Amino acid sequence: MTVAKMFGNVNPSDPMWAQMLGFTALPHLGGLSGSIITRREVKTWYPSLIKPAWGPPNSAFPVVWMGLYTGMGYASYLVWKELGGFTQDAVVPLGLYGLQLALNWAWTPIFFGAHSIKLALIEIVILTGTVGATMVSWYPISCPATLLMVPYLAWLCLATCLNYCIWRDNPEPKCD
């Protein structure tokens, strides 16, 4: 499939082109702000944690998240476009999307910023469920949008397992 068939005839003066770029770029904003916290902690605090041998290397995370954020952003555009914008029909599917995006952006400050591994685990479980609910709400609207979320859900399942193992193997200090 060619790019022209995937995106149609792209005209830079067409507002739909700008909207597609906006929806696709939006998830990256939280990723960029989270990277400020992560960049410092991945060199100091994170190496001190006991992690499972099967965990991905640190260098994989920015590459994976770039692809996931791009996919979810474009998927949200497809749903928005199919529903005719921010209409009454879009409240639940795009509301769930917005909720999962906020939860996604919140995980990094909780885990890396506050060093709250247990709270981050609870948060990522809620996030994963919200992504599943988002996908269920999107399926009748746009199957391609739903399928674009599958890698994200799979990565969240891996990340949830990783968060659990880190929590299990790094008990929080007891307060007397």
C-alpha atoms as a PDB file:
ATOM      1  CA  MET A   1       0.000   0.000   0.000  1.00  0.00           C
ATOM      2  CA  THR A   2       1.368   3.406  -0.927  1.00  0.00           C
ATOM      3  CA  VAL A   3       1.459   6.439   1.330  1.00  0.00           C
ATOM      4  CA  ALA A   4      -1.001   8.193  -0.979  1.00  0.00           C
ATOM      5  CA  LYS A   5      -3.518   5.366  -0.544  1.00  0.00           C
ATOM      6  CA  MET A   6      -3.077   5.359   3.239  1.00  0.00           C
ATOM      7  CA  PHE A   7      -3.456   9.114   3.690  1.00  0.00           C
ATOM      8  CA  GLY A   8      -5.333  10.107   0.538  1.00  0.00           C
ATOM      9  CA  ASN A   9      -4.256  13.050  -1.559  1.00  0.00           C
ATOM     10  CA  VAL A  10      -2.291  15.192   0.867  1.00  0.00           C
ATOM     11  CA  ASN A  11      -2.671  18.915   0.354  1.00  0.00           C
ATOM     12  CA  PRO A  12      -0.718  21.005   2.904  1.00  0.00           C
ATOM     13  CA  SER A  13      -3.351  23.774   2.717  1.00  0.00           C
ATOM     14  CA  ASP A  14      -6.131  21.312   3.637  1.00  0.00           C
ATOM     15  CA  PRO A  15      -7.045  21.702   7.344  1.00  0.00           C
ATOM     16  CA  MET A  16      -7.562  17.923   7.648  1.00  0.00           C
ATOM     17  CA  TRP A  17      -3.836  17.462   7.023  1.00  0.00           C
ATOM     18  CA  ALA A  18      -3.039  19.787   9.921  1.00  0.00           C
ATOM     19  CA  GLN A  19      -5.592  18.045  12.133  1.00  0.00           C
ATOM     20  CA  MET A  20      -4.094  14.657  11.348  1.00  0.00           C
ATOM     21  CA  LEU A  21      -0.649  15.955  12.278  1.00  0.00           C
ATOM     22  CA  GLY A  22      -2.014  17.504  15.473  1.00  0.00           C
ATOM     23  CA  PHE A  23      -3.704  14.309  16.624  1.00  0.00           C
ATOM     24  CA  THR A  24      -0.612  12.284  15.741  1.00  0.00           C
ATOM     25  CA  ALA A  25       1.751  14.669  17.551  1.00  0.00           C
ATOM     26  CA  LEU A  26      -0.347  15.133  20.714  1.00  0.00           C
ATOM     27  CA  PRO A  27       0.718  11.933  22.548  1.00  0.00           C
ATOM     28  CA  HIS A  28       4.372  12.835  22.008  1.00  0.00           C
ATOM     29  CA  LEU A  29       3.986  15.956  24.197  1.00  0.00           C
ATOM     30  CA  GLY A  30       3.604  13.880  27.360  1.00  0.00           C
ATOM     31  CA  GLY A  31       6.393  11.597  26.214  1.00  0.00           C
ATOM     32  CA  LEU A  32       8.727  14.557  25.790  1.00  0.00           C
ATOM     33  CA  SER A  33       7.930  15.984  29.204  1.00  0.00           C
ATOM     34  CA  GLY A  34       8.301  12.538  30.786  1.00  0.00           C
ATOM     35  CA  SER A  35      11.680  12.100  29.140  1.00  0.00           C
ATOM     36  CA  ILE A  36      13.019  15.030  31.167  1.00  0.00           C
ATOM     37  CA  ILE A  37      12.350  13.093  34.383  1.00  0.00           C
ATOM     38  CA  THR A  38      13.402   9.753  32.942  1.00  0.00           C
ATOM     39  CA  ARG A  39      16.691  10.976  31.490  1.00  0.00           C
ATOM     40  CA  ARG A  40      18.092  11.793  34.942  1.00  0.00           C
ATOM     41  CA  GLU A  41      16.611   8.844  36.838  1.00  0.00           C
ATOM     42  CA  VAL A  42      17.585   6.199  34.278  1.00  0.00           C
ATOM     43  CA  LYS A  43      21.227   7.033  35.050  1.00  0.00           C
ATOM     44  CA  THR A  44      20.925   7.277  38.837  1.00  0.00           C
ATOM     45  CA  TRP A  45      17.963   5.629  40.592  1.00  0.00           C
ATOM     46  CA  TYR A  46      16.792   3.091  37.979  1.00  0.00           C
ATOM     47  CA  PRO A  47      20.126   1.184  37.773  1.00  0.00           C
ATOM     48  CA  SER A  48      19.961   0.626  41.535  1.00  0.00           C
ATOM     49  CA  LEU A  49      16.755  -1.405  41.194  1.00  0.00           C
ATOM     50  CA  ILE A  50      16.617  -5.178  40.856  1.00  0.00           C
ATOM     51  CA  LYS A  51      15.029  -5.882  37.462  1.00  0.00           C
ATOM     52  CA  PRO A  52      14.155  -9.133  35.687  1.00  0.00           C
ATOM     53  CA  ALA A  53      16.643 -10.429  33.120  1.00  0.00           C
ATOM     54  CA  TRP A  54      13.944 -10.411  30.423  1.00  0.00           C
ATOM     55  CA  GLY A  55      13.380  -6.642  30.684  1.00  0.00           C
ATOM     56  CA  PRO A  56      14.065  -4.602  27.549  1.00  0.00           C
ATOM     57  CA  PRO A  57      17.295  -2.587  27.396  1.00  0.00           C
ATOM     58  CA  ASN A  58      16.954   1.088  28.317  1.00  0.00           C
ATOM     59  CA  SER A  59      17.779   2.060  24.725  1.00  0.00           C
ATOM     60  CA  ALA A  60      14.623   0.313  23.466  1.00  0.00           C
ATOM     61  CA  PHE A  61      12.172   2.479  25.413  1.00  0.00           C
ATOM     62  CA  PRO A  62      12.400   5.769  23.463  1.00  0.00           C
ATOM     63  CA  VAL A  63      12.239   3.955  20.127  1.00  0.00           C
ATOM     64  CA  VAL A  64       9.243   1.869  21.154  1.00  0.00           C
ATOM     65  CA  TRP A  65       7.394   4.825  22.643  1.00  0.00           C
ATOM     66  CA  MET A  66       7.923   6.930  19.518  1.00  0.00           C
ATOM     67  CA  GLY A  67       6.166   4.261  17.469  1.00  0.00           C
ATOM     68  CA  LEU A  68       3.420   3.683  20.040  1.00  0.00           C
ATOM     69  CA  TYR A  69       2.669   7.395  20.476  1.00  0.00           C
ATOM     70  CA  THR A  70       2.544   7.886  16.712  1.00  0.00           C
ATOM     71  CA  GLY A  71       0.222   4.899  16.235  1.00  0.00           C
ATOM     72  CA  MET A  72      -2.171   5.888  19.012  1.00  0.00           C
ATOM     73  CA  GLY A  73      -2.226   9.499  17.873  1.00  0.00           C
ATOM     74  CA  TYR A  74      -3.050   8.599  14.291  1.00  0.00           C
ATOM     75  CA  ALA A  75      -5.644   6.090  15.506  1.00  0.00           C
ATOM     76  CA  SER A  76      -7.366   8.828  17.520  1.00  0.00           C
ATOM     77  CA  TYR A  77      -7.458  10.966  14.393  1.00  0.00           C
ATOM     78  CA  LEU A  78      -9.162   8.131  12.476  1.00  0.00           C
ATOM     79  CA  VAL A  79     -11.845   7.836  15.168  1.00  0.00           C
ATOM     80  CA  TRP A  80     -12.313  11.606  15.366  1.00  0.00           C
ATOM     81  CA  LYS A  81     -12.596  11.846  11.580  1.00  0.00           C
ATOM     82  CA  GLU A  82     -15.027   8.913  11.341  1.00  0.00           C
ATOM     83  CA  LEU A  83     -17.277  10.475  13.996  1.00  0.00           C
ATOM     84  CA  GLY A  84     -17.261  13.859  12.266  1.00  0.00           C
ATOM     85  CA  GLY A  85     -15.191  15.670  14.876  1.00  0.00           C
ATOM     86  CA  PHE A  86     -15.963  16.295  18.531  1.00  0.00           C
ATOM     87  CA  THR A  87     -19.609  15.284  18.292  1.00  0.00           C
ATOM     88  CA  GLN A  88     -21.929  13.742  20.882  1.00  0.00           C
ATOM     89  CA  ASP A  89     -21.008  10.303  19.483  1.00  0.00           C
ATOM     90  CA  ALA A  90     -17.338  11.051  20.131  1.00  0.00           C
ATOM     91  CA  VAL A  91     -17.711  11.735  23.875  1.00  0.00           C
ATOM     92  CA  VAL A  92     -17.140   8.166  25.090  1.00  0.00           C
ATOM     93  CA  PRO A  93     -14.532   6.915  22.587  1.00  0.00           C
ATOM     94  CA  LEU A  94     -12.440  10.094  22.620  1.00  0.00           C
ATOM     95  CA  GLY A  95     -13.079  10.627  26.338  1.00  0.00           C
ATOM     96  CA  LEU A  96     -11.645   7.178  27.065  1.00  0.00           C
ATOM     97  CA  TYR A  97      -8.736   7.979  24.779  1.00  0.00           C
ATOM     98  CA  GLY A  98      -8.079  11.230  26.638  1.00  0.00           C
ATOM     99  CA  LEU A  99      -8.272   9.434  29.983  1.00  0.00           C
ATOM    100  CA  GLN A 100      -5.796   6.760  28.932  1.00  0.00           C
ATOM    101  CA  LEU A 101      -3.478   9.434  27.535  1.00  0.00           C
ATOM    102  CA  ALA A 102      -3.547  11.313  30.850  1.00  0.00           C
ATOM    103  CA  LEU A 103      -2.892   8.059  32.721  1.00  0.00           C
ATOM    104  CA  ASN A 104      -0.053   7.274  30.326  1.00  0.00           C
ATOM    105  CA  TRP A 105       1.539  10.654  30.931  1.00  0.00           C
ATOM    106  CA  ALA A 106       1.101  10.301  34.715  1.00  0.00           C
ATOM    107  CA  TRP A 107       2.973   6.996  35.017  1.00  0.00           C
ATOM    108  CA  THR A 108       6.474   8.406  34.415  1.00  0.00           C
ATOM    109  CA  PRO A 109       6.322  11.077  37.160  1.00  0.00           C
ATOM    110  CA  ILE A 110       4.902   8.487  39.566  1.00  0.00           C
ATOM    111  CA  PHE A 111       7.510   5.812  38.834  1.00  0.00           C
ATOM    112  CA  PHE A 112      10.620   7.818  37.947  1.00  0.00           C
ATOM    113  CA  GLY A 113       9.842  11.126  39.665  1.00  0.00           C
ATOM    114  CA  ALA A 114       8.273   9.981  42.962  1.00  0.00           C
ATOM    115  CA  HIS A 115       9.976   6.556  42.969  1.00  0.00           C
ATOM    116  CA  SER A 116       6.600   5.134  43.960  1.00  0.00           C
ATOM    117  CA  ILE A 117       6.821   1.689  42.390  1.00  0.00           C
ATOM    118  CA  LYS A 118       3.641   0.362  44.030  1.00  0.00           C
ATOM    119  CA  LEU A 119       1.528   3.379  43.041  1.00  0.00           C
ATOM    120  CA  ALA A 120       2.956   3.178  39.511  1.00  0.00           C
ATOM    121  CA  LEU A 121       1.912  -0.493  39.385  1.00  0.00           C
ATOM    122  CA  ILE A 122      -1.647   0.354  40.436  1.00  0.00           C
ATOM    123  CA  GLU A 123      -1.691   3.195  37.906  1.00  0.00           C
ATOM    124  CA  ILE A 124      -0.432   1.070  34.998  1.00  0.00           C
ATOM    125  CA  VAL A 125      -3.043  -1.626  35.710  1.00  0.00           C
ATOM    126  CA  ILE A 126      -5.745   1.063  35.501  1.00  0.00           C
ATOM    127  CA  LEU A 127      -4.082   2.467  32.365  1.00  0.00           C
ATOM    128  CA  THR A 128      -4.030  -0.950  30.673  1.00  0.00           C
ATOM    129  CA  GLY A 129      -7.716  -1.482  31.453  1.00  0.00           C
ATOM    130  CA  THR A 130      -8.547   1.961  30.119  1.00  0.00           C
ATOM    131  CA  VAL A 131      -6.681   1.235  26.884  1.00  0.00           C
ATOM    132  CA  GLY A 132      -8.680  -2.002  26.546  1.00  0.00           C
ATOM    133  CA  ALA A 133     -11.931  -0.063  27.098  1.00  0.00           C
ATOM    134  CA  THR A 134     -10.812   2.533  24.542  1.00  0.00           C
ATOM    135  CA  MET A 135     -10.202  -0.213  21.995  1.00  0.00           C
ATOM    136  CA  VAL A 136     -13.605  -1.804  22.662  1.00  0.00           C
ATOM    137  CA  SER A 137     -15.303   1.568  22.151  1.00  0.00           C
ATOM    138  CA  TRP A 138     -13.328   2.189  18.941  1.00  0.00           C
ATOM    139  CA  TYR A 139     -13.918  -1.171  17.280  1.00  0.00           C
ATOM    140  CA  PRO A 140     -17.417  -0.404  15.882  1.00  0.00           C
ATOM    141  CA  ILE A 141     -16.171   2.987  14.690  1.00  0.00           C
ATOM    142  CA  SER A 142     -12.829   2.120  13.071  1.00  0.00           C
ATOM    143  CA  CYS A 143     -11.248  -1.298  12.931  1.00  0.00           C
ATOM    144  CA  PRO A 144      -7.940   0.143  11.628  1.00  0.00           C
ATOM    145  CA  ALA A 145      -7.796   2.542  14.604  1.00  0.00           C
ATOM    146  CA  THR A 146      -8.419  -0.344  16.992  1.00  0.00           C
ATOM    147  CA  LEU A 147      -5.694  -2.427  15.364  1.00  0.00           C
ATOM    148  CA  LEU A 148      -3.240   0.479  15.648  1.00  0.00           C
ATOM    149  CA  MET A 149      -3.711   0.232  19.430  1.00  0.00           C
ATOM    150  CA  VAL A 150      -2.813  -3.489  19.636  1.00  0.00           C
ATOM    151  CA  PRO A 151       0.982  -2.944  19.868  1.00  0.00           C
ATOM    152  CA  TYR A 152       0.381  -0.363  22.596  1.00  0.00           C
ATOM    153  CA  LEU A 153      -1.769  -2.766  24.618  1.00  0.00           C
ATOM    154  CA  ALA A 154       0.819  -5.520  24.176  1.00  0.00           C
ATOM    155  CA  TRP A 155       3.624  -3.199  25.328  1.00  0.00           C
ATOM    156  CA  LEU A 156       1.555  -2.138  28.345  1.00  0.00           C
ATOM    157  CA  CYS A 157       1.112  -5.793  29.295  1.00  0.00           C
ATOM    158  CA  LEU A 158       4.893  -6.222  29.180  1.00  0.00           C
ATOM    159  CA  ALA A 159       5.426  -2.949  31.071  1.00  0.00           C
ATOM    160  CA  THR A 160       2.895  -3.998  33.722  1.00  0.00           C
ATOM    161  CA  CYS A 161       4.740  -7.275  34.249  1.00  0.00           C
ATOM    162  CA  LEU A 162       8.035  -5.395  34.455  1.00  0.00           C
ATOM    163  CA  ASN A 163       6.584  -2.893  36.942  1.00  0.00           C
ATOM    164  CA  TYR A 164       5.225  -5.786  39.033  1.00  0.00           C
ATOM    165  CA  CYS A 165       8.586  -7.588  39.108  1.00  0.00           C
ATOM    166  CA  ILE A 166      10.402  -4.391  40.066  1.00  0.00           C
ATOM    167  CA  TRP A 167       7.873  -3.765  42.861  1.00  0.00           C
ATOM    168  CA  ARG A 168       8.117  -7.370  44.092  1.00  0.00           C
ATOM    169  CA  ASP A 169      11.924  -7.440  44.052  1.00  0.00           C
ATOM    170  CA  ASN A 170      12.520  -3.952  45.506  1.00  0.00           C
ATOM    171  CA  PRO A 171      10.502  -3.647  48.718  1.00  0.00           C
ATOM    172  CA  GLU A 172       9.893  -0.116  49.898  1.00  0.00           C
ATOM    173  CA  PRO A 173      11.740   0.822  53.094  1.00  0.00           C
ATOM    174  CA  LYS A 174       9.688   0.377  56.272  1.00  0.00           C
ATOM    175  CA  CYS A 175       8.796   3.539  58.154  1.00  0.00           C
ATOM    176  CA  ASP A 176       9.078   3.183  61.931  1.00  0.00           C
END
